[in-house]
């Protein structure tokens, strides 16, 4: 995770995203091999999802404003802040989905699914 954060700080988002993907695969493999608890895997995946969402938000270009002759009803406020909120919401949703999947897998592994 530290390498991905360092790469992101250097604005090398493609390499940082690739690093996160590798980390995600290692975590999944470790859990499958019994080297990591499902709970720990879920927490790590949630962190990976948050960092990934933040980077993807940074990579997303701002939407161009349509050219009109009429004044806008209300000027956009703190667009960057909105992107951060969107990224946080996306990360939270991904975390919730990862937790749901983990619960499904846990139920299935215990013969409840």
C-alpha atoms as a PDB file:
ATOM      1  CA  UNK A   1       0.000   0.000   0.000  1.00  0.00           C
ATOM      2  CA  UNK A   2       2.884   2.348   0.804  1.00  0.00           C
ATOM      3  CA  UNK A   3       4.320   1.946  -2.697  1.00  0.00           C
ATOM      4  CA  UNK A   4       0.956   2.790  -4.265  1.00  0.00           C
ATOM      5  CA  UNK A   5       0.584   5.881  -2.075  1.00  0.00           C
ATOM      6  CA  UNK A   6       4.134   6.984  -2.942  1.00  0.00           C
ATOM      7  CA  UNK A   7       3.457   6.557  -6.663  1.00  0.00           C
ATOM      8  CA  UNK A   8       0.203   8.490  -6.325  1.00  0.00           C
ATOM      9  CA  UNK A   9       2.014  11.300  -4.519  1.00  0.00           C
ATOM     10  CA  UNK A  10       4.407  11.402  -7.479  1.00  0.00           C
ATOM     11  CA  UNK A  11       1.350  11.729  -9.783  1.00  0.00           C
ATOM     12  CA  UNK A  12       2.169   8.350 -11.353  1.00  0.00           C
ATOM     13  CA  UNK A  13      -1.419   7.132 -11.160  1.00  0.00           C
ATOM     14  CA  UNK A  14      -1.212   4.285 -13.722  1.00  0.00           C
ATOM     15  CA  UNK A  15       1.685   2.681 -11.823  1.00  0.00           C
ATOM     16  CA  UNK A  16      -0.053   3.279  -8.499  1.00  0.00           C
ATOM     17  CA  UNK A  17      -3.249   1.631  -9.768  1.00  0.00           C
ATOM     18  CA  UNK A  18      -1.214  -1.324 -11.054  1.00  0.00           C
ATOM     19  CA  UNK A  19       0.444  -1.611  -7.634  1.00  0.00           C
ATOM     20  CA  UNK A  20      -2.976  -1.653  -5.967  1.00  0.00           C
ATOM     21  CA  UNK A  21      -4.138  -4.371  -8.360  1.00  0.00           C
ATOM     22  CA  UNK A  22      -1.122  -6.525  -7.486  1.00  0.00           C
ATOM     23  CA  UNK A  23      -1.705  -5.962  -3.778  1.00  0.00           C
ATOM     24  CA  UNK A  24      -5.362  -6.909  -4.155  1.00  0.00           C
ATOM     25  CA  UNK A  25      -4.401 -10.149  -5.904  1.00  0.00           C
ATOM     26  CA  UNK A  26      -1.829 -10.977  -3.197  1.00  0.00           C
ATOM     27  CA  UNK A  27      -4.405 -10.372  -0.473  1.00  0.00           C
ATOM     28  CA  UNK A  28      -6.969 -12.574  -2.219  1.00  0.00           C
ATOM     29  CA  UNK A  29      -4.406 -15.365  -2.663  1.00  0.00           C
ATOM     30  CA  UNK A  30      -3.274 -15.134   0.968  1.00  0.00           C
ATOM     31  CA  UNK A  31      -6.865 -15.437   2.197  1.00  0.00           C
ATOM     32  CA  UNK A  32      -7.579 -18.351  -0.139  1.00  0.00           C
ATOM     33  CA  UNK A  33      -4.481 -20.167   1.157  1.00  0.00           C
ATOM     34  CA  UNK A  34      -5.514 -19.598   4.765  1.00  0.00           C
ATOM     35  CA  UNK A  35      -2.636 -17.196   5.423  1.00  0.00           C
ATOM     36  CA  UNK A  36      -4.984 -14.301   6.214  1.00  0.00           C
ATOM     37  CA  UNK A  37      -8.359 -14.089   7.925  1.00  0.00           C
ATOM     38  CA  UNK A  38     -11.396 -13.088   5.914  1.00  0.00           C
ATOM     39  CA  UNK A  39     -11.918 -10.121   8.236  1.00  0.00           C
ATOM     40  CA  UNK A  40      -8.385  -8.829   7.609  1.00  0.00           C
ATOM     41  CA  UNK A  41      -8.785  -9.370   3.859  1.00  0.00           C
ATOM     42  CA  UNK A  42     -12.030  -7.379   3.917  1.00  0.00           C
ATOM     43  CA  UNK A  43     -10.406  -4.482   5.797  1.00  0.00           C
ATOM     44  CA  UNK A  44      -7.427  -4.398   3.427  1.00  0.00           C
ATOM     45  CA  UNK A  45      -9.680  -4.543   0.367  1.00  0.00           C
ATOM     46  CA  UNK A  46     -11.717  -1.633   1.755  1.00  0.00           C
ATOM     47  CA  UNK A  47      -8.515   0.401   2.126  1.00  0.00           C
ATOM     48  CA  UNK A  48      -7.417  -0.538  -1.389  1.00  0.00           C
ATOM     49  CA  UNK A  49     -10.829   0.486  -2.739  1.00  0.00           C
ATOM     50  CA  UNK A  50     -10.645   3.861  -1.003  1.00  0.00           C
ATOM     51  CA  UNK A  51      -7.163   4.626  -2.311  1.00  0.00           C
ATOM     52  CA  UNK A  52      -8.157   3.431  -5.809  1.00  0.00           C
ATOM     53  CA  UNK A  53     -11.288   5.611  -5.785  1.00  0.00           C
ATOM     54  CA  UNK A  54      -9.275   8.646  -4.695  1.00  0.00           C
ATOM     55  CA  UNK A  55      -6.792   8.088  -7.532  1.00  0.00           C
ATOM     56  CA  UNK A  56      -9.515   7.509 -10.107  1.00  0.00           C
ATOM     57  CA  UNK A  57     -11.202  10.721  -8.983  1.00  0.00           C
ATOM     58  CA  UNK A  58      -7.915  12.559  -9.436  1.00  0.00           C
ATOM     59  CA  UNK A  59      -7.610  11.102 -12.940  1.00  0.00           C
ATOM     60  CA  UNK A  60     -11.155  12.045 -13.962  1.00  0.00           C
ATOM     61  CA  UNK A  61     -11.102  15.299 -15.907  1.00  0.00           C
ATOM     62  CA  UNK A  62     -13.570  17.955 -14.884  1.00  0.00           C
ATOM     63  CA  UNK A  63     -16.693  17.937 -17.025  1.00  0.00           C
ATOM     64  CA  UNK A  64     -16.590  20.730 -19.597  1.00  0.00           C
ATOM     65  CA  UNK A  65     -19.287  23.315 -19.117  1.00  0.00           C
ATOM     66  CA  UNK A  66     -21.606  23.731 -22.122  1.00  0.00           C
ATOM     67  CA  UNK A  67     -21.255  27.036 -23.910  1.00  0.00           C
ATOM     68  CA  UNK A  68     -24.456  29.017 -23.457  1.00  0.00           C
ATOM     69  CA  UNK A  69     -25.335  32.664 -23.752  1.00  0.00           C
ATOM     70  CA  UNK A  70     -27.680  32.536 -20.764  1.00  0.00           C
ATOM     71  CA  UNK A  71     -26.110  32.876 -17.333  1.00  0.00           C
ATOM     72  CA  UNK A  72     -25.966  29.765 -15.216  1.00  0.00           C
ATOM     73  CA  UNK A  73     -28.647  29.480 -12.554  1.00  0.00           C
ATOM     74  CA  UNK A  74     -26.049  29.022  -9.856  1.00  0.00           C
ATOM     75  CA  UNK A  75     -22.272  28.866 -10.225  1.00  0.00           C
ATOM     76  CA  UNK A  76     -20.659  25.560  -9.262  1.00  0.00           C
ATOM     77  CA  UNK A  77     -19.130  25.647  -5.812  1.00  0.00           C
ATOM     78  CA  UNK A  78     -16.046  23.741  -4.731  1.00  0.00           C
ATOM     79  CA  UNK A  79     -16.059  21.307  -7.633  1.00  0.00           C
ATOM     80  CA  UNK A  80     -12.944  19.604  -6.287  1.00  0.00           C
ATOM     81  CA  UNK A  81     -14.711  19.020  -2.991  1.00  0.00           C
ATOM     82  CA  UNK A  82     -17.602  17.377  -4.861  1.00  0.00           C
ATOM     83  CA  UNK A  83     -15.189  15.011  -6.580  1.00  0.00           C
ATOM     84  CA  UNK A  84     -13.727  14.057  -3.214  1.00  0.00           C
ATOM     85  CA  UNK A  85     -17.216  13.391  -1.871  1.00  0.00           C
ATOM     86  CA  UNK A  86     -18.007  11.287  -4.955  1.00  0.00           C
ATOM     87  CA  UNK A  87     -14.771   9.344  -4.495  1.00  0.00           C
ATOM     88  CA  UNK A  88     -15.522   8.778  -0.824  1.00  0.00           C
ATOM     89  CA  UNK A  89     -19.046   7.617  -1.646  1.00  0.00           C
ATOM     90  CA  UNK A  90     -17.677   5.265  -4.302  1.00  0.00           C
ATOM     91  CA  UNK A  91     -15.074   3.894  -1.893  1.00  0.00           C
ATOM     92  CA  UNK A  92     -17.704   3.404   0.797  1.00  0.00           C
ATOM     93  CA  UNK A  93     -19.952   1.569  -1.652  1.00  0.00           C
ATOM     94  CA  UNK A  94     -17.055  -0.657  -2.745  1.00  0.00           C
ATOM     95  CA  UNK A  95     -16.216  -1.362   0.901  1.00  0.00           C
ATOM     96  CA  UNK A  96     -19.824  -2.303   1.636  1.00  0.00           C
ATOM     97  CA  UNK A  97     -19.916  -4.563  -1.412  1.00  0.00           C
ATOM     98  CA  UNK A  98     -16.659  -6.222  -0.328  1.00  0.00           C
ATOM     99  CA  UNK A  99     -18.101  -6.807   3.133  1.00  0.00           C
ATOM    100  CA  UNK A 100     -21.289  -8.298   1.647  1.00  0.00           C
ATOM    101  CA  UNK A 101     -19.219 -10.600  -0.552  1.00  0.00           C
ATOM    102  CA  UNK A 102     -17.128 -11.585   2.449  1.00  0.00           C
ATOM    103  CA  UNK A 103     -20.288 -12.412   4.409  1.00  0.00           C
ATOM    104  CA  UNK A 104     -21.644 -14.461   1.498  1.00  0.00           C
ATOM    105  CA  UNK A 105     -18.349 -16.345   1.257  1.00  0.00           C
ATOM    106  CA  UNK A 106     -18.237 -16.903   5.005  1.00  0.00           C
ATOM    107  CA  UNK A 107     -21.827 -18.208   5.016  1.00  0.00           C
ATOM    108  CA  UNK A 108     -21.085 -20.397   2.016  1.00  0.00           C
ATOM    109  CA  UNK A 109     -17.879 -21.751   3.575  1.00  0.00           C
ATOM    110  CA  UNK A 110     -19.790 -22.668   6.709  1.00  0.00           C
ATOM    111  CA  UNK A 111     -22.494 -24.493   4.732  1.00  0.00           C
ATOM    112  CA  UNK A 112     -25.103 -21.753   5.079  1.00  0.00           C
ATOM    113  CA  UNK A 113     -25.154 -20.721   1.436  1.00  0.00           C
END
